[in-house]
């Protein structure tokens, strides 16, 4: 059974220099209360793995705006000009990775796989500059990139409905990356919009099983 913790206790699990996965899409599905507490605590030198960087001042972009991130592993950064400014100033390392490849790299990290084989990025800057490209392989006459799996110290996700056993249901696009990231970190913390009794989510609607969730923050009470 996961343990219920305060938002302050949840944020305290994130230490300087850690690698942190943050689920969601354009801030939808970000654990906003936990992120605000991380900004307040001023934790530094984070490596963030995320689908994207939301607009300035929203969601996980608050960490970037506050210069708390040293490395960003993501697919899209166009909505936050601070990413480009910090990258050009040498303050932030940005590893842009095709979105589908990144999703599968997270899945591989969670499943204990050695990598992902994909044609996406062949002959582009991905092949030339992305540090997660392990190399190339030819299968049946076709070339593929071999992408390394990714793993994190902590995954911060958000669920619309979470039962007391840690089972999670996501609403709409907030599911983006959250269900994958819940399998690919040493510690998984879920910020719940609504907490229900165990069994309050129909079994077929459970997306992330409670066995993957270590801690729950009841965001509905904050």
C-alpha atoms as a PDB file:
ATOM      1  CA  UNK A   1       0.000   0.000   0.000  1.00  0.00           C
ATOM      2  CA  UNK A   2       1.358   3.457  -0.870  1.00  0.00           C
ATOM      3  CA  UNK A   3       1.849   5.955   1.901  1.00  0.00           C
ATOM      4  CA  UNK A   4      -0.029   9.267   1.983  1.00  0.00           C
ATOM      5  CA  UNK A   5       2.336  12.187   2.424  1.00  0.00           C
ATOM      6  CA  UNK A   6       2.058  15.955   2.523  1.00  0.00           C
ATOM      7  CA  UNK A   7       3.167  18.006  -0.456  1.00  0.00           C
ATOM      8  CA  UNK A   8       6.154  19.151   1.614  1.00  0.00           C
ATOM      9  CA  UNK A   9       7.152  15.558   2.363  1.00  0.00           C
ATOM     10  CA  UNK A  10       6.752  14.613  -1.294  1.00  0.00           C
ATOM     11  CA  UNK A  11       8.981  17.439  -2.491  1.00  0.00           C
ATOM     12  CA  UNK A  12      11.599  16.499   0.106  1.00  0.00           C
ATOM     13  CA  UNK A  13      12.237  13.240  -1.776  1.00  0.00           C
ATOM     14  CA  UNK A  14      13.693  15.284  -4.636  1.00  0.00           C
ATOM     15  CA  UNK A  15      17.301  16.184  -3.866  1.00  0.00           C
ATOM     16  CA  UNK A  16      19.841  18.364  -5.640  1.00  0.00           C
ATOM     17  CA  UNK A  17      21.264  16.673  -8.720  1.00  0.00           C
ATOM     18  CA  UNK A  18      18.540  14.029  -9.067  1.00  0.00           C
ATOM     19  CA  UNK A  19      16.966  12.830 -12.314  1.00  0.00           C
ATOM     20  CA  UNK A  20      13.223  13.432 -12.187  1.00  0.00           C
ATOM     21  CA  UNK A  21      10.512  12.331 -14.602  1.00  0.00           C
ATOM     22  CA  UNK A  22       7.474  14.613 -14.716  1.00  0.00           C
ATOM     23  CA  UNK A  23       4.369  13.384 -16.498  1.00  0.00           C
ATOM     24  CA  UNK A  24       1.827  15.378 -18.454  1.00  0.00           C
ATOM     25  CA  UNK A  25       1.393  17.315 -21.684  1.00  0.00           C
ATOM     26  CA  UNK A  26       1.784  21.114 -21.879  1.00  0.00           C
ATOM     27  CA  UNK A  27       1.293  21.191 -18.135  1.00  0.00           C
ATOM     28  CA  UNK A  28      -1.894  19.119 -18.264  1.00  0.00           C
ATOM     29  CA  UNK A  29      -1.166  16.215 -15.942  1.00  0.00           C
ATOM     30  CA  UNK A  30       1.760  17.924 -14.213  1.00  0.00           C
ATOM     31  CA  UNK A  31       1.700  17.540 -10.403  1.00  0.00           C
ATOM     32  CA  UNK A  32       1.311  21.283  -9.898  1.00  0.00           C
ATOM     33  CA  UNK A  33       1.313  21.393  -6.091  1.00  0.00           C
ATOM     34  CA  UNK A  34       4.503  19.336  -5.864  1.00  0.00           C
ATOM     35  CA  UNK A  35       6.189  21.478  -8.516  1.00  0.00           C
ATOM     36  CA  UNK A  36       5.277  24.641  -6.629  1.00  0.00           C
ATOM     37  CA  UNK A  37       6.811  23.171  -3.493  1.00  0.00           C
ATOM     38  CA  UNK A  38      10.003  22.263  -5.384  1.00  0.00           C
ATOM     39  CA  UNK A  39      10.234  25.857  -6.571  1.00  0.00           C
ATOM     40  CA  UNK A  40       9.754  27.022  -2.996  1.00  0.00           C
ATOM     41  CA  UNK A  41      12.451  24.655  -1.707  1.00  0.00           C
ATOM     42  CA  UNK A  42      14.907  25.770  -4.380  1.00  0.00           C
ATOM     43  CA  UNK A  43      16.247  22.297  -5.184  1.00  0.00           C
ATOM     44  CA  UNK A  44      19.027  22.650  -7.790  1.00  0.00           C
ATOM     45  CA  UNK A  45      20.817  20.936 -10.682  1.00  0.00           C
ATOM     46  CA  UNK A  46      17.909  18.714 -11.655  1.00  0.00           C
ATOM     47  CA  UNK A  47      17.776  16.559 -14.755  1.00  0.00           C
ATOM     48  CA  UNK A  48      14.172  16.614 -15.943  1.00  0.00           C
ATOM     49  CA  UNK A  49      12.705  14.010 -18.288  1.00  0.00           C
ATOM     50  CA  UNK A  50       9.412  15.217 -19.701  1.00  0.00           C
ATOM     51  CA  UNK A  51       7.271  15.164 -22.797  1.00  0.00           C
ATOM     52  CA  UNK A  52       7.695  18.909 -23.242  1.00  0.00           C
ATOM     53  CA  UNK A  53       8.261  22.264 -21.588  1.00  0.00           C
ATOM     54  CA  UNK A  54       4.929  24.042 -20.963  1.00  0.00           C
ATOM     55  CA  UNK A  55       4.434  27.783 -21.424  1.00  0.00           C
ATOM     56  CA  UNK A  56       6.553  30.034 -19.225  1.00  0.00           C
ATOM     57  CA  UNK A  57       5.285  30.211 -15.661  1.00  0.00           C
ATOM     58  CA  UNK A  58       3.153  27.078 -15.866  1.00  0.00           C
ATOM     59  CA  UNK A  59       3.719  23.546 -14.628  1.00  0.00           C
ATOM     60  CA  UNK A  60       7.219  22.151 -14.761  1.00  0.00           C
ATOM     61  CA  UNK A  61       8.399  25.219 -16.668  1.00  0.00           C
ATOM     62  CA  UNK A  62       8.452  27.014 -13.311  1.00  0.00           C
ATOM     63  CA  UNK A  63      11.528  24.935 -12.453  1.00  0.00           C
ATOM     64  CA  UNK A  64      13.222  25.997 -15.681  1.00  0.00           C
ATOM     65  CA  UNK A  65      12.234  29.633 -15.233  1.00  0.00           C
ATOM     66  CA  UNK A  66      13.751  29.519 -11.749  1.00  0.00           C
ATOM     67  CA  UNK A  67      17.059  28.085 -13.049  1.00  0.00           C
ATOM     68  CA  UNK A  68      16.681  24.840 -11.081  1.00  0.00           C
ATOM     69  CA  UNK A  69      17.227  22.532 -14.065  1.00  0.00           C
ATOM     70  CA  UNK A  70      20.650  21.725 -15.484  1.00  0.00           C
ATOM     71  CA  UNK A  71      19.514  19.199 -18.079  1.00  0.00           C
ATOM     72  CA  UNK A  72      16.239  18.748 -19.944  1.00  0.00           C
ATOM     73  CA  UNK A  73      15.460  15.534 -21.822  1.00  0.00           C
ATOM     74  CA  UNK A  74      12.314  16.222 -23.803  1.00  0.00           C
ATOM     75  CA  UNK A  75      10.538  16.386 -27.158  1.00  0.00           C
ATOM     76  CA  UNK A  76       9.292  19.968 -27.464  1.00  0.00           C
ATOM     77  CA  UNK A  77      10.383  23.270 -25.924  1.00  0.00           C
ATOM     78  CA  UNK A  78       8.933  25.929 -28.217  1.00  0.00           C
ATOM     79  CA  UNK A  79       6.470  27.368 -25.706  1.00  0.00           C
ATOM     80  CA  UNK A  80       9.089  28.413 -23.180  1.00  0.00           C
ATOM     81  CA  UNK A  81      11.658  30.918 -24.519  1.00  0.00           C
ATOM     82  CA  UNK A  82      13.670  30.533 -21.324  1.00  0.00           C
ATOM     83  CA  UNK A  83      14.767  27.097 -22.515  1.00  0.00           C
ATOM     84  CA  UNK A  84      16.475  28.557 -25.591  1.00  0.00           C
ATOM     85  CA  UNK A  85      17.940  31.459 -23.642  1.00  0.00           C
ATOM     86  CA  UNK A  86      19.443  29.229 -20.960  1.00  0.00           C
ATOM     87  CA  UNK A  87      20.646  26.713 -23.535  1.00  0.00           C
ATOM     88  CA  UNK A  88      22.382  29.416 -25.602  1.00  0.00           C
ATOM     89  CA  UNK A  89      23.949  30.807 -22.424  1.00  0.00           C
ATOM     90  CA  UNK A  90      25.382  27.397 -21.558  1.00  0.00           C
ATOM     91  CA  UNK A  91      23.240  27.146 -18.425  1.00  0.00           C
ATOM     92  CA  UNK A  92      20.953  24.327 -19.588  1.00  0.00           C
ATOM     93  CA  UNK A  93      21.697  21.165 -21.535  1.00  0.00           C
ATOM     94  CA  UNK A  94      18.778  20.201 -23.769  1.00  0.00           C
ATOM     95  CA  UNK A  95      18.483  16.761 -25.350  1.00  0.00           C
ATOM     96  CA  UNK A  96      15.671  16.882 -27.906  1.00  0.00           C
ATOM     97  CA  UNK A  97      14.326  13.429 -28.697  1.00  0.00           C
ATOM     98  CA  UNK A  98      11.430  12.449 -30.989  1.00  0.00           C
ATOM     99  CA  UNK A  99       8.325  12.069 -28.862  1.00  0.00           C
ATOM    100  CA  UNK A 100       7.531   8.490 -29.813  1.00  0.00           C
ATOM    101  CA  UNK A 101      11.143   7.460 -29.283  1.00  0.00           C
ATOM    102  CA  UNK A 102      11.217   9.114 -25.863  1.00  0.00           C
ATOM    103  CA  UNK A 103       8.020   7.337 -24.835  1.00  0.00           C
ATOM    104  CA  UNK A 104       9.498   3.985 -25.816  1.00  0.00           C
ATOM    105  CA  UNK A 105      12.796   4.819 -24.081  1.00  0.00           C
ATOM    106  CA  UNK A 106      10.864   5.422 -20.867  1.00  0.00           C
ATOM    107  CA  UNK A 107       8.944   2.188 -21.416  1.00  0.00           C
ATOM    108  CA  UNK A 108      12.227   0.346 -21.959  1.00  0.00           C
ATOM    109  CA  UNK A 109      13.630   1.826 -18.766  1.00  0.00           C
ATOM    110  CA  UNK A 110      10.611   0.606 -16.862  1.00  0.00           C
ATOM    111  CA  UNK A 111      10.633  -2.820 -18.439  1.00  0.00           C
ATOM    112  CA  UNK A 112      14.333  -3.477 -18.005  1.00  0.00           C
ATOM    113  CA  UNK A 113      14.980  -3.568 -21.736  1.00  0.00           C
ATOM    114  CA  UNK A 114      18.350  -2.743 -23.262  1.00  0.00           C
ATOM    115  CA  UNK A 115      17.079  -0.172 -25.718  1.00  0.00           C
ATOM    116  CA  UNK A 116      14.662   0.788 -28.466  1.00  0.00           C
ATOM    117  CA  UNK A 117      15.079   0.167 -32.193  1.00  0.00           C
ATOM    118  CA  UNK A 118      13.524   2.864 -34.374  1.00  0.00           C
ATOM    119  CA  UNK A 119      14.019   4.452 -37.827  1.00  0.00           C
ATOM    120  CA  UNK A 120      12.932   7.846 -36.476  1.00  0.00           C
ATOM    121  CA  UNK A 121      15.793  10.333 -36.523  1.00  0.00           C
ATOM    122  CA  UNK A 122      17.980   8.586 -39.073  1.00  0.00           C
ATOM    123  CA  UNK A 123      20.036  11.091 -41.027  1.00  0.00           C
ATOM    124  CA  UNK A 124      19.051  13.991 -38.775  1.00  0.00           C
ATOM    125  CA  UNK A 125      20.552  15.869 -35.828  1.00  0.00           C
ATOM    126  CA  UNK A 126      19.091  13.170 -33.612  1.00  0.00           C
ATOM    127  CA  UNK A 127      21.507  10.643 -35.070  1.00  0.00           C
ATOM    128  CA  UNK A 128      24.402  13.091 -35.029  1.00  0.00           C
ATOM    129  CA  UNK A 129      24.025  14.745 -31.636  1.00  0.00           C
ATOM    130  CA  UNK A 130      21.596  12.942 -29.334  1.00  0.00           C
ATOM    131  CA  UNK A 131      23.570  11.247 -26.517  1.00  0.00           C
ATOM    132  CA  UNK A 132      20.918   8.545 -26.195  1.00  0.00           C
ATOM    133  CA  UNK A 133      21.730   7.108 -29.614  1.00  0.00           C
ATOM    134  CA  UNK A 134      23.704   3.964 -28.912  1.00  0.00           C
ATOM    135  CA  UNK A 135      24.381   3.269 -32.572  1.00  0.00           C
ATOM    136  CA  UNK A 136      22.780   1.869 -35.699  1.00  0.00           C
ATOM    137  CA  UNK A 137      21.633  -1.584 -36.631  1.00  0.00           C
ATOM    138  CA  UNK A 138      20.520  -3.100 -39.943  1.00  0.00           C
ATOM    139  CA  UNK A 139      17.598  -5.515 -39.985  1.00  0.00           C
ATOM    140  CA  UNK A 140      16.425  -7.058 -43.251  1.00  0.00           C
ATOM    141  CA  UNK A 141      18.296  -4.398 -45.175  1.00  0.00           C
ATOM    142  CA  UNK A 142      16.814  -1.458 -43.293  1.00  0.00           C
ATOM    143  CA  UNK A 143      18.746   0.784 -40.901  1.00  0.00           C
ATOM    144  CA  UNK A 144      17.513   1.676 -37.444  1.00  0.00           C
ATOM    145  CA  UNK A 145      18.796   3.764 -34.574  1.00  0.00           C
ATOM    146  CA  UNK A 146      19.299   2.025 -31.242  1.00  0.00           C
ATOM    147  CA  UNK A 147      18.122   4.369 -28.483  1.00  0.00           C
ATOM    148  CA  UNK A 148      19.146   3.848 -24.869  1.00  0.00           C
ATOM    149  CA  UNK A 149      16.495   3.369 -22.176  1.00  0.00           C
ATOM    150  CA  UNK A 150      15.947   6.115 -19.591  1.00  0.00           C
ATOM    151  CA  UNK A 151      15.348   5.799 -15.867  1.00  0.00           C
ATOM    152  CA  UNK A 152      14.862   8.309 -13.055  1.00  0.00           C
ATOM    153  CA  UNK A 153      15.444   8.632  -9.345  1.00  0.00           C
ATOM    154  CA  UNK A 154      11.923   9.996  -8.868  1.00  0.00           C
ATOM    155  CA  UNK A 155       8.814  10.134 -11.053  1.00  0.00           C
ATOM    156  CA  UNK A 156       6.235  12.818 -10.308  1.00  0.00           C
ATOM    157  CA  UNK A 157       2.863  12.069 -11.856  1.00  0.00           C
ATOM    158  CA  UNK A 158      -0.710  13.267 -11.430  1.00  0.00           C
ATOM    159  CA  UNK A 159      -3.928  11.277 -11.526  1.00  0.00           C
ATOM    160  CA  UNK A 160      -7.508  12.499 -11.722  1.00  0.00           C
ATOM    161  CA  UNK A 161      -8.817   9.691  -9.508  1.00  0.00           C
ATOM    162  CA  UNK A 162      -6.576   7.652  -7.214  1.00  0.00           C
ATOM    163  CA  UNK A 163      -7.791   5.051  -4.748  1.00  0.00           C
ATOM    164  CA  UNK A 164      -6.221   4.377  -1.374  1.00  0.00           C
ATOM    165  CA  UNK A 165      -4.334   1.399  -2.793  1.00  0.00           C
ATOM    166  CA  UNK A 166      -2.609   3.699  -5.294  1.00  0.00           C
ATOM    167  CA  UNK A 167      -4.491   2.645  -8.418  1.00  0.00           C
ATOM    168  CA  UNK A 168      -4.714   5.569 -10.840  1.00  0.00           C
ATOM    169  CA  UNK A 169      -7.169   6.727 -13.489  1.00  0.00           C
ATOM    170  CA  UNK A 170      -6.159   9.631 -15.727  1.00  0.00           C
ATOM    171  CA  UNK A 171      -8.526  12.058 -17.411  1.00  0.00           C
ATOM    172  CA  UNK A 172      -7.960  12.873 -21.076  1.00  0.00           C
ATOM    173  CA  UNK A 173      -4.507  13.935 -22.195  1.00  0.00           C
ATOM    174  CA  UNK A 174      -3.265  14.148 -18.596  1.00  0.00           C
ATOM    175  CA  UNK A 175      -2.393  10.481 -19.011  1.00  0.00           C
ATOM    176  CA  UNK A 176       0.398  11.486 -21.384  1.00  0.00           C
ATOM    177  CA  UNK A 177       3.656   9.824 -20.257  1.00  0.00           C
ATOM    178  CA  UNK A 178       2.401   9.418 -16.659  1.00  0.00           C
ATOM    179  CA  UNK A 179       1.579   5.734 -16.992  1.00  0.00           C
ATOM    180  CA  UNK A 180       4.977   5.010 -18.565  1.00  0.00           C
ATOM    181  CA  UNK A 181       6.946   7.058 -16.064  1.00  0.00           C
ATOM    182  CA  UNK A 182       5.282   5.280 -13.153  1.00  0.00           C
ATOM    183  CA  UNK A 183       7.228   2.168 -14.140  1.00  0.00           C
ATOM    184  CA  UNK A 184      10.614   3.792 -14.745  1.00  0.00           C
ATOM    185  CA  UNK A 185      11.751   5.414 -11.492  1.00  0.00           C
ATOM    186  CA  UNK A 186      13.062   4.303  -8.119  1.00  0.00           C
ATOM    187  CA  UNK A 187      10.395   6.340  -6.304  1.00  0.00           C
ATOM    188  CA  UNK A 188       6.976   7.209  -7.760  1.00  0.00           C
ATOM    189  CA  UNK A 189       4.879   9.989  -6.233  1.00  0.00           C
ATOM    190  CA  UNK A 190       1.347  10.594  -7.481  1.00  0.00           C
ATOM    191  CA  UNK A 191      -0.527  13.829  -6.871  1.00  0.00           C
ATOM    192  CA  UNK A 192      -4.226  12.965  -6.814  1.00  0.00           C
ATOM    193  CA  UNK A 193      -6.987  15.332  -7.866  1.00  0.00           C
ATOM    194  CA  UNK A 194      -9.498  13.073  -6.132  1.00  0.00           C
ATOM    195  CA  UNK A 195      -8.901  10.253  -3.645  1.00  0.00           C
ATOM    196  CA  UNK A 196     -11.479   7.467  -3.395  1.00  0.00           C
ATOM    197  CA  UNK A 197     -11.755   4.288  -1.377  1.00  0.00           C
ATOM    198  CA  UNK A 198     -10.038   1.165  -2.656  1.00  0.00           C
ATOM    199  CA  UNK A 199     -12.366  -0.330  -5.240  1.00  0.00           C
ATOM    200  CA  UNK A 200     -13.724   3.090  -6.175  1.00  0.00           C
ATOM    201  CA  UNK A 201     -12.158   2.750  -9.616  1.00  0.00           C
ATOM    202  CA  UNK A 202     -13.520  -0.032 -11.790  1.00  0.00           C
ATOM    203  CA  UNK A 203     -10.739  -2.563 -12.387  1.00  0.00           C
ATOM    204  CA  UNK A 204     -10.892  -2.167 -16.154  1.00  0.00           C
ATOM    205  CA  UNK A 205     -10.386   1.592 -15.755  1.00  0.00           C
ATOM    206  CA  UNK A 206      -7.180   1.317 -13.744  1.00  0.00           C
ATOM    207  CA  UNK A 207      -4.318   2.588 -15.894  1.00  0.00           C
ATOM    208  CA  UNK A 208      -1.473   2.620 -13.364  1.00  0.00           C
ATOM    209  CA  UNK A 209      -1.616  -0.167 -10.810  1.00  0.00           C
ATOM    210  CA  UNK A 210      -0.993   0.707  -7.198  1.00  0.00           C
ATOM    211  CA  UNK A 211       2.040  -1.550  -7.020  1.00  0.00           C
ATOM    212  CA  UNK A 212       3.940   1.106  -8.984  1.00  0.00           C
ATOM    213  CA  UNK A 213       3.015   4.023  -6.704  1.00  0.00           C
ATOM    214  CA  UNK A 214       5.067   4.621  -3.574  1.00  0.00           C
ATOM    215  CA  UNK A 215       3.499   7.834  -2.251  1.00  0.00           C
ATOM    216  CA  UNK A 216       0.272   9.767  -2.753  1.00  0.00           C
ATOM    217  CA  UNK A 217      -0.346  13.477  -2.226  1.00  0.00           C
ATOM    218  CA  UNK A 218      -4.028  14.326  -1.818  1.00  0.00           C
ATOM    219  CA  UNK A 219      -4.084  17.366  -4.038  1.00  0.00           C
ATOM    220  CA  UNK A 220      -7.802  17.784  -3.540  1.00  0.00           C
ATOM    221  CA  UNK A 221      -7.205  18.876   0.040  1.00  0.00           C
ATOM    222  CA  UNK A 222      -4.497  21.438  -0.737  1.00  0.00           C
END
